[in-house]
Amino acid sequence: QVQLVESGGGLVQPGESLTLTCVASGFDFRHTNMGWFRQMPGAQRELVARITQADNPAYIESVTGRFTISRDNTKNTMTLQIASLIPENTAIYYCKNVRGTLNWGQGTKVTVPS
C-alpha cells in the first residue's frame, strides 16, 4: 500500500527556517521522480520543487534560492528546507511523485503570520 506521510509544518515566524519531511513506502521510491507541492489558501495545488531519481533538483522561480529539496533513497525519505520564511509561504505542503499517479498524503501545514 502506497503511503506518503508529510511532517514538519507548524507556525513559524517570518525569517525563520523550516524543514519538511516526507516518508514514502509501498512503491519503488529510489526509481521515482519526486516533488513537493503546495496549496496556498484559495489556490490550486502546484509543484514547487522536484528531484529526479538521479538526485537532480529543480524549482519554480519564486522559491529558487530559499527552498532546497533533497532525498535519501536508503531511508525512502525526502525533505524540503525552507529558509527565510515569508507570509506567502503559508500553505499546505504535500509530497508526491512528479507524474502524479500516487495518492496524496495528508500534507503538512505551514503558517507564517504577517
PDB file of N, CA and C in Angstrom:
ATOM      1  N   GLN A   1       0.856  -1.203   0.000  1.00  0.00           N
ATOM      2  CA  GLN A   1       0.000   0.000   0.000  1.00  0.00           C
ATOM      3  C   GLN A   1       0.881   1.239   0.000  1.00  0.00           C
ATOM      4  N   VAL A   2       0.617   2.125  -0.954  1.00  0.00           N
ATOM      5  CA  VAL A   2       1.391   3.354  -1.063  1.00  0.00           C
ATOM      6  C   VAL A   2       1.042   4.301   0.085  1.00  0.00           C
ATOM      7  N   GLN A   3       2.072   4.818   0.719  1.00  0.00           N
ATOM      8  CA  GLN A   3       1.862   5.823   1.764  1.00  0.00           C
ATOM      9  C   GLN A   3       2.875   6.950   1.590  1.00  0.00           C
ATOM     10  N   LEU A   4       2.386   8.156   1.702  1.00  0.00           N
ATOM     11  CA  LEU A   4       3.216   9.352   1.709  1.00  0.00           C
ATOM     12  C   LEU A   4       2.815  10.139   2.947  1.00  0.00           C
ATOM     13  N   VAL A   5       3.757  10.306   3.858  1.00  0.00           N
ATOM     14  CA  VAL A   5       3.462  10.959   5.131  1.00  0.00           C
ATOM     15  C   VAL A   5       4.363  12.176   5.284  1.00  0.00           C
ATOM     16  N   GLU A   6       3.731  13.329   5.278  1.00  0.00           N
ATOM     17  CA  GLU A   6       4.458  14.585   5.416  1.00  0.00           C
ATOM     18  C   GLU A   6       4.428  15.058   6.866  1.00  0.00           C
ATOM     19  N   SER A   7       5.496  15.716   7.282  1.00  0.00           N
ATOM     20  CA  SER A   7       5.559  16.261   8.638  1.00  0.00           C
ATOM     21  C   SER A   7       6.515  17.441   8.670  1.00  0.00           C
ATOM     22  N   GLY A   8       6.499  18.150   9.791  1.00  0.00           N
ATOM     23  CA  GLY A   8       7.438  19.241   9.984  1.00  0.00           C
ATOM     24  C   GLY A   8       6.858  20.627   9.901  1.00  0.00           C
ATOM     25  N   GLY A   9       5.598  20.724   9.526  1.00  0.00           N
ATOM     26  CA  GLY A   9       4.979  22.035   9.428  1.00  0.00           C
ATOM     27  C   GLY A   9       4.656  22.611  10.788  1.00  0.00           C
ATOM     28  N   GLY A  10       4.141  23.821  10.776  1.00  0.00           N
ATOM     29  CA  GLY A  10       3.769  24.479  12.021  1.00  0.00           C
ATOM     30  C   GLY A  10       3.669  25.968  11.830  1.00  0.00           C
ATOM     31  N   LEU A  11       3.540  26.665  12.950  1.00  0.00           N
ATOM     32  CA  LEU A  11       3.509  28.126  12.954  1.00  0.00           C
ATOM     33  C   LEU A  11       4.938  28.622  13.087  1.00  0.00           C
ATOM     34  N   VAL A  12       5.376  29.369  12.106  1.00  0.00           N
ATOM     35  CA  VAL A  12       6.770  29.808  12.058  1.00  0.00           C
ATOM     36  C   VAL A  12       6.796  31.314  11.833  1.00  0.00           C
ATOM     37  N   GLN A  13       7.674  31.995  12.504  1.00  0.00           N
ATOM     38  CA  GLN A  13       7.777  33.438  12.365  1.00  0.00           C
ATOM     39  C   GLN A  13       8.541  33.807  11.090  1.00  0.00           C
ATOM     40  N   PRO A  14       8.194  34.926  10.490  1.00  0.00           N
ATOM     41  CA  PRO A  14       8.925  35.381   9.305  1.00  0.00           C
ATOM     42  C   PRO A  14      10.426  35.447   9.556  1.00  0.00           C
ATOM     43  N   GLY A  15      11.180  34.992   8.579  1.00  0.00           N
ATOM     44  CA  GLY A  15      12.627  34.991   8.701  1.00  0.00           C
ATOM     45  C   GLY A  15      13.214  33.705   9.230  1.00  0.00           C
ATOM     46  N   GLU A  16      12.391  32.899   9.854  1.00  0.00           N
ATOM     47  CA  GLU A  16      12.871  31.624  10.371  1.00  0.00           C
ATOM     48  C   GLU A  16      12.943  30.589   9.250  1.00  0.00           C
ATOM     49  N   SER A  17      13.526  29.438   9.593  1.00  0.00           N
ATOM     50  CA  SER A  17      13.657  28.348   8.623  1.00  0.00           C
ATOM     51  C   SER A  17      12.893  27.127   9.102  1.00  0.00           C
ATOM     52  N   LEU A  18      12.638  26.244   8.177  1.00  0.00           N
ATOM     53  CA  LEU A  18      11.830  25.067   8.481  1.00  0.00           C
ATOM     54  C   LEU A  18      12.267  23.933   7.572  1.00  0.00           C
ATOM     55  N   THR A  19      12.184  22.703   8.073  1.00  0.00           N
ATOM     56  CA  THR A  19      12.450  21.530   7.238  1.00  0.00           C
ATOM     57  C   THR A  19      11.243  20.605   7.272  1.00  0.00           C
ATOM     58  N   LEU A  20      10.715  20.348   6.102  1.00  0.00           N
ATOM     59  CA  LEU A  20       9.608  19.416   5.953  1.00  0.00           C
ATOM     60  C   LEU A  20      10.153  18.060   5.540  1.00  0.00           C
ATOM     61  N   THR A  21       9.519  17.000   6.024  1.00  0.00           N
ATOM     62  CA  THR A  21       9.966  15.642   5.728  1.00  0.00           C
ATOM     63  C   THR A  21       8.831  14.825   5.151  1.00  0.00           C
ATOM     64  N   CYS A  22       9.175  14.006   4.183  1.00  0.00           N
ATOM     65  CA  CYS A  22       8.219  13.080   3.571  1.00  0.00           C
ATOM     66  C   CYS A  22       8.781  11.675   3.731  1.00  0.00           C
ATOM     67  N   VAL A  23       7.976  10.805   4.293  1.00  0.00           N
ATOM     68  CA  VAL A  23       8.353   9.395   4.402  1.00  0.00           C
ATOM     69  C   VAL A  23       7.482   8.605   3.436  1.00  0.00           C
ATOM     70  N   ALA A  24       8.125   7.878   2.544  1.00  0.00           N
ATOM     71  CA  ALA A  24       7.410   7.159   1.493  1.00  0.00           C
ATOM     72  C   ALA A  24       7.521   5.659   1.706  1.00  0.00           C
ATOM     73  N   SER A  25       6.474   4.957   1.316  1.00  0.00           N
ATOM     74  CA  SER A  25       6.501   3.498   1.395  1.00  0.00           C
ATOM     75  C   SER A  25       5.513   2.927   0.390  1.00  0.00           C
ATOM     76  N   GLY A  26       5.724   1.673   0.059  1.00  0.00           N
ATOM     77  CA  GLY A  26       4.776   0.967  -0.796  1.00  0.00           C
ATOM     78  C   GLY A  26       5.014   1.088  -2.289  1.00  0.00           C
ATOM     79  N   PHE A  27       6.093   1.747  -2.678  1.00  0.00           N
ATOM     80  CA  PHE A  27       6.428   1.836  -4.099  1.00  0.00           C
ATOM     81  C   PHE A  27       7.934   1.959  -4.231  1.00  0.00           C
ATOM     82  N   ASP A  28       8.411   1.929  -5.472  1.00  0.00           N
ATOM     83  CA  ASP A  28       9.841   1.952  -5.752  1.00  0.00           C
ATOM     84  C   ASP A  28      10.350   3.390  -5.654  1.00  0.00           C
ATOM     85  N   PHE A  29      10.572   3.858  -4.458  1.00  0.00           N
ATOM     86  CA  PHE A  29      10.929   5.261  -4.226  1.00  0.00           C
ATOM     87  C   PHE A  29      12.210   5.653  -4.951  1.00  0.00           C
ATOM     88  N   ARG A  30      13.227   4.814  -4.868  1.00  0.00           N
ATOM     89  CA  ARG A  30      14.519   5.218  -5.401  1.00  0.00           C
ATOM     90  C   ARG A  30      14.484   5.421  -6.915  1.00  0.00           C
ATOM     91  N   HIS A  31      13.519   4.843  -7.585  1.00  0.00           N
ATOM     92  CA  HIS A  31      13.416   4.988  -9.036  1.00  0.00           C
ATOM     93  C   HIS A  31      12.241   5.876  -9.449  1.00  0.00           C
ATOM     94  N   THR A  32      11.840   6.730  -8.537  1.00  0.00           N
ATOM     95  CA  THR A  32      10.702   7.608  -8.783  1.00  0.00           C
ATOM     96  C   THR A  32      11.122   9.070  -8.670  1.00  0.00           C
ATOM     97  N   ASN A  33      10.763   9.866  -9.670  1.00  0.00           N
ATOM     98  CA  ASN A  33      10.972  11.305  -9.595  1.00  0.00           C
ATOM     99  C   ASN A  33       9.931  11.882  -8.642  1.00  0.00           C
ATOM    100  N   MET A  34      10.389  12.608  -7.644  1.00  0.00           N
ATOM    101  CA  MET A  34       9.506  13.076  -6.587  1.00  0.00           C
ATOM    102  C   MET A  34       9.431  14.599  -6.559  1.00  0.00           C
ATOM    103  N   GLY A  35       8.376  15.081  -5.939  1.00  0.00           N
ATOM    104  CA  GLY A  35       8.236  16.529  -5.847  1.00  0.00           C
ATOM    105  C   GLY A  35       7.520  16.962  -4.581  1.00  0.00           C
ATOM    106  N   TRP A  36       7.728  18.225  -4.251  1.00  0.00           N
ATOM    107  CA  TRP A  36       6.968  18.872  -3.199  1.00  0.00           C
ATOM    108  C   TRP A  36       5.968  19.810  -3.867  1.00  0.00           C
ATOM    109  N   PHE A  37       4.743  19.697  -3.442  1.00  0.00           N
ATOM    110  CA  PHE A  37       3.666  20.534  -3.932  1.00  0.00           C
ATOM    111  C   PHE A  37       3.167  21.396  -2.783  1.00  0.00           C
ATOM    112  N   ARG A  38       2.541  22.498  -3.109  1.00  0.00           N
ATOM    113  CA  ARG A  38       1.921  23.287  -2.061  1.00  0.00           C
ATOM    114  C   ARG A  38       0.556  23.780  -2.528  1.00  0.00           C
ATOM    115  N   GLN A  39      -0.307  23.960  -1.544  1.00  0.00           N
ATOM    116  CA  GLN A  39      -1.617  24.554  -1.821  1.00  0.00           C
ATOM    117  C   GLN A  39      -1.766  25.753  -0.911  1.00  0.00           C
ATOM    118  N   MET A  40      -1.640  26.921  -1.502  1.00  0.00           N
ATOM    119  CA  MET A  40      -1.798  28.159  -0.767  1.00  0.00           C
ATOM    120  C   MET A  40      -3.279  28.430  -0.578  1.00  0.00           C
ATOM    121  N   PRO A  41      -3.642  29.209   0.428  1.00  0.00           N
ATOM    122  CA  PRO A  41      -5.063  29.492   0.676  1.00  0.00           C
ATOM    123  C   PRO A  41      -5.766  30.035  -0.562  1.00  0.00           C
ATOM    124  N   GLY A  42      -6.844  29.397  -0.940  1.00  0.00           N
ATOM    125  CA  GLY A  42      -7.626  29.850  -2.071  1.00  0.00           C
ATOM    126  C   GLY A  42      -7.033  29.547  -3.431  1.00  0.00           C
ATOM    127  N   ALA A  43      -5.966  28.758  -3.467  1.00  0.00           N
ATOM    128  CA  ALA A  43      -5.298  28.486  -4.738  1.00  0.00           C
ATOM    129  C   ALA A  43      -5.259  26.991  -5.016  1.00  0.00           C
ATOM    130  N   GLN A  44      -4.905  26.662  -6.234  1.00  0.00           N
ATOM    131  CA  GLN A  44      -4.766  25.253  -6.587  1.00  0.00           C
ATOM    132  C   GLN A  44      -3.397  24.729  -6.143  1.00  0.00           C
ATOM    133  N   ARG A  45      -3.312  23.440  -6.026  1.00  0.00           N
ATOM    134  CA  ARG A  45      -2.054  22.816  -5.685  1.00  0.00           C
ATOM    135  C   ARG A  45      -1.062  23.005  -6.834  1.00  0.00           C
ATOM    136  N   GLU A  46       0.191  23.289  -6.486  1.00  0.00           N
ATOM    137  CA  GLU A  46       1.206  23.475  -7.502  1.00  0.00           C
ATOM    138  C   GLU A  46       2.501  22.797  -7.085  1.00  0.00           C
ATOM    139  N   LEU A  47       3.243  22.388  -8.093  1.00  0.00           N
ATOM    140  CA  LEU A  47       4.551  21.783  -7.855  1.00  0.00           C
ATOM    141  C   LEU A  47       5.560  22.898  -7.647  1.00  0.00           C
ATOM    142  N   VAL A  48       6.287  22.871  -6.538  1.00  0.00           N
ATOM    143  CA  VAL A  48       7.257  23.929  -6.272  1.00  0.00           C
ATOM    144  C   VAL A  48       8.699  23.453  -6.349  1.00  0.00           C
ATOM    145  N   ALA A  49       8.929  22.169  -6.129  1.00  0.00           N
ATOM    146  CA  ALA A  49      10.285  21.640  -6.186  1.00  0.00           C
ATOM    147  C   ALA A  49      10.203  20.179  -6.585  1.00  0.00           C
ATOM    148  N   ARG A  50      11.169  19.752  -7.366  1.00  0.00           N
ATOM    149  CA  ARG A  50      11.189  18.377  -7.810  1.00  0.00           C
ATOM    150  C   ARG A  50      12.604  17.853  -7.731  1.00  0.00           C
ATOM    151  N   ILE A  51      12.732  16.547  -7.604  1.00  0.00           N
ATOM    152  CA  ILE A  51      14.052  15.934  -7.570  1.00  0.00           C
ATOM    153  C   ILE A  51      13.968  14.604  -8.305  1.00  0.00           C
ATOM    154  N   THR A  52      14.890  14.406  -9.221  1.00  0.00           N
ATOM    155  CA  THR A  52      14.856  13.188 -10.016  1.00  0.00           C
ATOM    156  C   THR A  52      15.411  12.017  -9.223  1.00  0.00           C
ATOM    157  N   GLN A  53      15.228  10.848  -9.760  1.00  0.00           N
ATOM    158  CA  GLN A  53      15.783   9.653  -9.127  1.00  0.00           C
ATOM    159  C   GLN A  53      17.302   9.728  -9.113  1.00  0.00           C
ATOM    160  N   ALA A  54      17.869  10.535  -9.997  1.00  0.00           N
ATOM    161  CA  ALA A  54      19.320  10.722 -10.044  1.00  0.00           C
ATOM    162  C   ALA A  54      19.769  11.877  -9.149  1.00  0.00           C
ATOM    163  N   ASP A  55      18.841  12.396  -8.339  1.00  0.00           N
ATOM    164  CA  ASP A  55      19.173  13.415  -7.345  1.00  0.00           C
ATOM    165  C   ASP A  55      19.393  14.801  -7.938  1.00  0.00           C
ATOM    166  N   ASN A  56      18.765  15.096  -9.062  1.00  0.00           N
ATOM    167  CA  ASN A  56      18.866  16.422  -9.662  1.00  0.00           C
ATOM    168  C   ASN A  56      17.651  17.252  -9.280  1.00  0.00           C
ATOM    169  N   PRO A  57      17.852  18.393  -8.602  1.00  0.00           N
ATOM    170  CA  PRO A  57      16.726  19.205  -8.160  1.00  0.00           C
ATOM    171  C   PRO A  57      16.334  20.280  -9.175  1.00  0.00           C
ATOM    172  N   ALA A  58      15.122  20.738  -9.052  1.00  0.00           N
ATOM    173  CA  ALA A  58      14.647  21.866  -9.847  1.00  0.00           C
ATOM    174  C   ALA A  58      13.551  22.563  -9.052  1.00  0.00           C
ATOM    175  N   TYR A  59      13.425  23.873  -9.285  1.00  0.00           N
ATOM    176  CA  TYR A  59      12.486  24.679  -8.504  1.00  0.00           C
ATOM    177  C   TYR A  59      11.732  25.645  -9.399  1.00  0.00           C
ATOM    178  N   ILE A  60      10.549  26.043  -8.947  1.00  0.00           N
ATOM    179  CA  ILE A  60       9.894  27.132  -9.640  1.00  0.00           C
ATOM    180  C   ILE A  60      10.628  28.414  -9.264  1.00  0.00           C
ATOM    181  N   GLU A  61      10.492  29.400 -10.110  1.00  0.00           N
ATOM    182  CA  GLU A  61      11.298  30.609  -9.966  1.00  0.00           C
ATOM    183  C   GLU A  61      11.082  31.303  -8.627  1.00  0.00           C
ATOM    184  N   SER A  62       9.871  31.322  -8.165  1.00  0.00           N
ATOM    185  CA  SER A  62       9.553  32.108  -6.971  1.00  0.00           C
ATOM    186  C   SER A  62      10.161  31.545  -5.693  1.00  0.00           C
ATOM    187  N   VAL A  63      10.618  30.304  -5.709  1.00  0.00           N
ATOM    188  CA  VAL A  63      11.198  29.721  -4.493  1.00  0.00           C
ATOM    189  C   VAL A  63      12.685  29.447  -4.642  1.00  0.00           C
ATOM    190  N   THR A  64      13.208  29.663  -5.809  1.00  0.00           N
ATOM    191  CA  THR A  64      14.629  29.393  -6.053  1.00  0.00           C
ATOM    192  C   THR A  64      15.498  30.246  -5.138  1.00  0.00           C
ATOM    193  N   GLY A  65      16.419  29.580  -4.485  1.00  0.00           N
ATOM    194  CA  GLY A  65      17.320  30.272  -3.576  1.00  0.00           C
ATOM    195  C   GLY A  65      16.934  30.132  -2.117  1.00  0.00           C
ATOM    196  N   ARG A  66      15.671  29.868  -1.851  1.00  0.00           N
ATOM    197  CA  ARG A  66      15.232  29.706  -0.461  1.00  0.00           C
ATOM    198  C   ARG A  66      14.732  28.307  -0.149  1.00  0.00           C
ATOM    199  N   PHE A  67      14.324  27.568  -1.173  1.00  0.00           N
ATOM    200  CA  PHE A  67      13.860  26.198  -0.976  1.00  0.00           C
ATOM    201  C   PHE A  67      14.966  25.242  -1.425  1.00  0.00           C
ATOM    202  N   THR A  68      15.172  24.173  -0.645  1.00  0.00           N
ATOM    203  CA  THR A  68      16.141  23.149  -1.008  1.00  0.00           C
ATOM    204  C   THR A  68      15.507  21.784  -0.832  1.00  0.00           C
ATOM    205  N   ILE A  69      15.449  21.049  -1.918  1.00  0.00           N
ATOM    206  CA  ILE A  69      14.869  19.710  -1.888  1.00  0.00           C
ATOM    207  C   ILE A  69      15.990  18.688  -1.865  1.00  0.00           C
ATOM    208  N   SER A  70      15.787  17.608  -1.122  1.00  0.00           N
ATOM    209  CA  SER A  70      16.776  16.539  -1.084  1.00  0.00           C
ATOM    210  C   SER A  70      16.062  15.218  -0.814  1.00  0.00           C
ATOM    211  N   ARG A  71      16.767  14.146  -1.057  1.00  0.00           N
ATOM    212  CA  ARG A  71      16.177  12.830  -0.843  1.00  0.00           C
ATOM    213  C   ARG A  71      17.226  11.891  -0.288  1.00  0.00           C
ATOM    214  N   ASP A  72      16.764  10.871   0.425  1.00  0.00           N
ATOM    215  CA  ASP A  72      17.624   9.808   0.933  1.00  0.00           C
ATOM    216  C   ASP A  72      16.989   8.491   0.509  1.00  0.00           C
ATOM    217  N   ASN A  73      17.541   7.908  -0.528  1.00  0.00           N
ATOM    218  CA  ASN A  73      16.959   6.672  -1.053  1.00  0.00           C
ATOM    219  C   ASN A  73      17.166   5.482  -0.134  1.00  0.00           C
ATOM    220  N   THR A  74      18.103   5.586   0.805  1.00  0.00           N
ATOM    221  CA  THR A  74      18.311   4.487   1.749  1.00  0.00           C
ATOM    222  C   THR A  74      17.220   4.462   2.817  1.00  0.00           C
ATOM    223  N   LYS A  75      16.577   5.615   3.029  1.00  0.00           N
ATOM    224  CA  LYS A  75      15.532   5.718   4.049  1.00  0.00           C
ATOM    225  C   LYS A  75      14.159   5.979   3.458  1.00  0.00           C
ATOM    226  N   ASN A  76      14.082   6.089   2.133  1.00  0.00           N
ATOM    227  CA  ASN A  76      12.815   6.416   1.461  1.00  0.00           C
ATOM    228  C   ASN A  76      12.221   7.711   2.010  1.00  0.00           C
ATOM    229  N   THR A  77      13.076   8.705   2.140  1.00  0.00           N
ATOM    230  CA  THR A  77      12.601   9.993   2.634  1.00  0.00           C
ATOM    231  C   THR A  77      13.016  11.122   1.702  1.00  0.00           C
ATOM    232  N   MET A  78      12.290  12.200   1.796  1.00  0.00           N
ATOM    233  CA  MET A  78      12.573  13.394   1.022  1.00  0.00           C
ATOM    234  C   MET A  78      12.322  14.584   1.941  1.00  0.00           C
ATOM    235  N   THR A  79      13.147  15.613   1.818  1.00  0.00           N
ATOM    236  CA  THR A  79      12.964  16.789   2.652  1.00  0.00           C
ATOM    237  C   THR A  79      12.858  18.046   1.803  1.00  0.00           C
ATOM    238  N   LEU A  80      12.282  19.054   2.402  1.00  0.00           N
ATOM    239  CA  LEU A  80      12.232  20.379   1.793  1.00  0.00           C
ATOM    240  C   LEU A  80      12.632  21.375   2.863  1.00  0.00           C
ATOM    241  N   GLN A  81      13.777  21.987   2.671  1.00  0.00           N
ATOM    242  CA  GLN A  81      14.233  23.017   3.585  1.00  0.00           C
ATOM    243  C   GLN A  81      13.774  24.366   3.043  1.00  0.00           C
ATOM    244  N   ILE A  82      13.170  25.135   3.911  1.00  0.00           N
ATOM    245  CA  ILE A  82      12.699  26.461   3.521  1.00  0.00           C
ATOM    246  C   ILE A  82      13.412  27.480   4.412  1.00  0.00           C
ATOM    247  N   ALA A  83      14.142  28.352   3.794  1.00  0.00           N
ATOM    248  CA  ALA A  83      14.878  29.377   4.535  1.00  0.00           C
ATOM    249  C   ALA A  83      14.149  30.712   4.428  1.00  0.00           C
ATOM    250  N   SER A  84      14.369  31.549   5.434  1.00  0.00           N
ATOM    251  CA  SER A  84      13.819  32.911   5.426  1.00  0.00           C
ATOM    252  C   SER A  84      12.343  32.926   5.059  1.00  0.00           C
ATOM    253  N   LEU A  85      11.558  32.251   5.835  1.00  0.00           N
ATOM    254  CA  LEU A  85      10.122  32.132   5.546  1.00  0.00           C
ATOM    255  C   LEU A  85       9.454  33.496   5.499  1.00  0.00           C
ATOM    256  N   ILE A  86       8.506  33.600   4.577  1.00  0.00           N
ATOM    257  CA  ILE A  86       7.704  34.803   4.413  1.00  0.00           C
ATOM    258  C   ILE A  86       6.231  34.416   4.473  1.00  0.00           C
ATOM    259  N   PRO A  87       5.344  35.369   4.750  1.00  0.00           N
ATOM    260  CA  PRO A  87       3.914  35.021   4.832  1.00  0.00           C
ATOM    261  C   PRO A  87       3.379  34.310   3.593  1.00  0.00           C
ATOM    262  N   GLU A  88       3.947  34.623   2.436  1.00  0.00           N
ATOM    263  CA  GLU A  88       3.486  33.992   1.198  1.00  0.00           C
ATOM    264  C   GLU A  88       3.829  32.509   1.129  1.00  0.00           C
ATOM    265  N   ASN A  89       4.630  32.021   2.056  1.00  0.00           N
ATOM    266  CA  ASN A  89       4.929  30.595   2.115  1.00  0.00           C
ATOM    267  C   ASN A  89       3.860  29.819   2.874  1.00  0.00           C
ATOM    268  N   THR A  90       2.889  30.523   3.427  1.00  0.00           N
ATOM    269  CA  THR A  90       1.796  29.858   4.126  1.00  0.00           C
ATOM    270  C   THR A  90       1.049  28.963   3.154  1.00  0.00           C
ATOM    271  N   ALA A  91       0.977  27.673   3.471  1.00  0.00           N
ATOM    272  CA  ALA A  91       0.357  26.708   2.570  1.00  0.00           C
ATOM    273  C   ALA A  91       0.357  25.344   3.244  1.00  0.00           C
ATOM    274  N   ILE A  92      -0.360  24.434   2.625  1.00  0.00           N
ATOM    275  CA  ILE A  92      -0.232  23.028   2.991  1.00  0.00           C
ATOM    276  C   ILE A  92       0.729  22.418   1.980  1.00  0.00           C
ATOM    277  N   TYR A  93       1.738  21.735   2.471  1.00  0.00           N
ATOM    278  CA  TYR A  93       2.768  21.150   1.616  1.00  0.00           C
ATOM    279  C   TYR A  93       2.583  19.639   1.548  1.00  0.00           C
ATOM    280  N   TYR A  94       2.676  19.129   0.327  1.00  0.00           N
ATOM    281  CA  TYR A  94       2.496  17.715   0.058  1.00  0.00           C
ATOM    282  C   TYR A  94       3.691  17.173  -0.707  1.00  0.00           C
ATOM    283  N   CYS A  95       3.980  15.907  -0.514  1.00  0.00           N
ATOM    284  CA  CYS A  95       4.952  15.246  -1.379  1.00  0.00           C
ATOM    285  C   CYS A  95       4.209  14.232  -2.238  1.00  0.00           C
ATOM    286  N   LYS A  96       4.756  14.013  -3.417  1.00  0.00           N
ATOM    287  CA  LYS A  96       4.109  13.100  -4.359  1.00  0.00           C
ATOM    288  C   LYS A  96       5.074  12.842  -5.501  1.00  0.00           C
ATOM    289  N   ASN A  97       4.818  11.786  -6.252  1.00  0.00           N
ATOM    290  CA  ASN A  97       5.627  11.587  -7.450  1.00  0.00           C
ATOM    291  C   ASN A  97       5.272  12.655  -8.479  1.00  0.00           C
ATOM    292  N   VAL A  98       6.242  13.033  -9.274  1.00  0.00           N
ATOM    293  CA  VAL A  98       6.038  14.127 -10.223  1.00  0.00           C
ATOM    294  C   VAL A  98       4.962  13.772 -11.254  1.00  0.00           C
ATOM    295  N   ARG A  99       4.893  12.529 -11.636  1.00  0.00           N
ATOM    296  CA  ARG A  99       3.867  12.121 -12.627  1.00  0.00           C
ATOM    297  C   ARG A  99       2.464  12.262 -12.060  1.00  0.00           C
ATOM    298  N   GLY A 100       2.351  12.264 -10.732  1.00  0.00           N
ATOM    299  CA  GLY A 100       1.048  12.475 -10.116  1.00  0.00           C
ATOM    300  C   GLY A 100       0.165  11.256 -10.025  1.00  0.00           C
ATOM    301  N   THR A 101       0.737  10.089 -10.171  1.00  0.00           N
ATOM    302  CA  THR A 101      -0.090   8.891 -10.195  1.00  0.00           C
ATOM    303  C   THR A 101      -0.368   8.324  -8.806  1.00  0.00           C
ATOM    304  N   LEU A 102       0.416   8.744  -7.818  1.00  0.00           N
ATOM    305  CA  LEU A 102       0.204   8.233  -6.459  1.00  0.00           C
ATOM    306  C   LEU A 102      -0.853   9.057  -5.733  1.00  0.00           C
ATOM    307  N   ASN A 103      -1.411   8.473  -4.705  1.00  0.00           N
ATOM    308  CA  ASN A 103      -2.409   9.202  -3.912  1.00  0.00           C
ATOM    309  C   ASN A 103      -1.745  10.289  -3.082  1.00  0.00           C
ATOM    310  N   TRP A 104      -2.492  11.334  -2.814  1.00  0.00           N
ATOM    311  CA  TRP A 104      -1.991  12.402  -1.947  1.00  0.00           C
ATOM    312  C   TRP A 104      -1.929  11.931  -0.501  1.00  0.00           C
ATOM    313  N   GLY A 105      -0.940  12.439   0.209  1.00  0.00           N
ATOM    314  CA  GLY A 105      -0.915  12.261   1.651  1.00  0.00           C
ATOM    315  C   GLY A 105      -1.762  13.342   2.304  1.00  0.00           C
ATOM    316  N   GLN A 106      -1.647  13.438   3.619  1.00  0.00           N
ATOM    317  CA  GLN A 106      -2.476  14.422   4.332  1.00  0.00           C
ATOM    318  C   GLN A 106      -1.868  15.819   4.288  1.00  0.00           C
ATOM    319  N   GLY A 107      -0.610  15.907   3.912  1.00  0.00           N
ATOM    320  CA  GLY A 107       0.049  17.205   3.845  1.00  0.00           C
ATOM    321  C   GLY A 107       0.493  17.679   5.213  1.00  0.00           C
ATOM    322  N   THR A 108       1.300  18.723   5.207  1.00  0.00           N
ATOM    323  CA  THR A 108       1.725  19.357   6.450  1.00  0.00           C
ATOM    324  C   THR A 108       1.568  20.858   6.272  1.00  0.00           C
ATOM    325  N   LYS A 109       0.917  21.488   7.237  1.00  0.00           N
ATOM    326  CA  LYS A 109       0.556  22.892   7.109  1.00  0.00           C
ATOM    327  C   LYS A 109       1.636  23.791   7.673  1.00  0.00           C
ATOM    328  N   VAL A 110       2.006  24.763   6.875  1.00  0.00           N
ATOM    329  CA  VAL A 110       2.963  25.777   7.295  1.00  0.00           C
ATOM    330  C   VAL A 110       2.240  27.115   7.353  1.00  0.00           C
ATOM    331  N   THR A 111       2.355  27.767   8.483  1.00  0.00           N
ATOM    332  CA  THR A 111       1.725  29.077   8.649  1.00  0.00           C
ATOM    333  C   THR A 111       2.784  30.091   9.046  1.00  0.00           C
ATOM    334  N   VAL A 112       2.869  31.138   8.247  1.00  0.00           N
ATOM    335  CA  VAL A 112       3.814  32.229   8.517  1.00  0.00           C
ATOM    336  C   VAL A 112       2.994  33.497   8.667  1.00  0.00           C
ATOM    337  N   PRO A 113       2.852  34.012   9.856  1.00  0.00           N
ATOM    338  CA  PRO A 113       1.997  35.193  10.053  1.00  0.00           C
ATOM    339  C   PRO A 113       2.628  36.443   9.465  1.00  0.00           C
ATOM    340  N   SER A 114       1.758  37.350   9.085  1.00  0.00           N
ATOM    341  CA  SER A 114       2.245  38.620   8.519  1.00  0.00           C
ATOM    342  C   SER A 114       2.382  39.680   9.602  1.00  0.00           C
TER     343      SER A 114
END
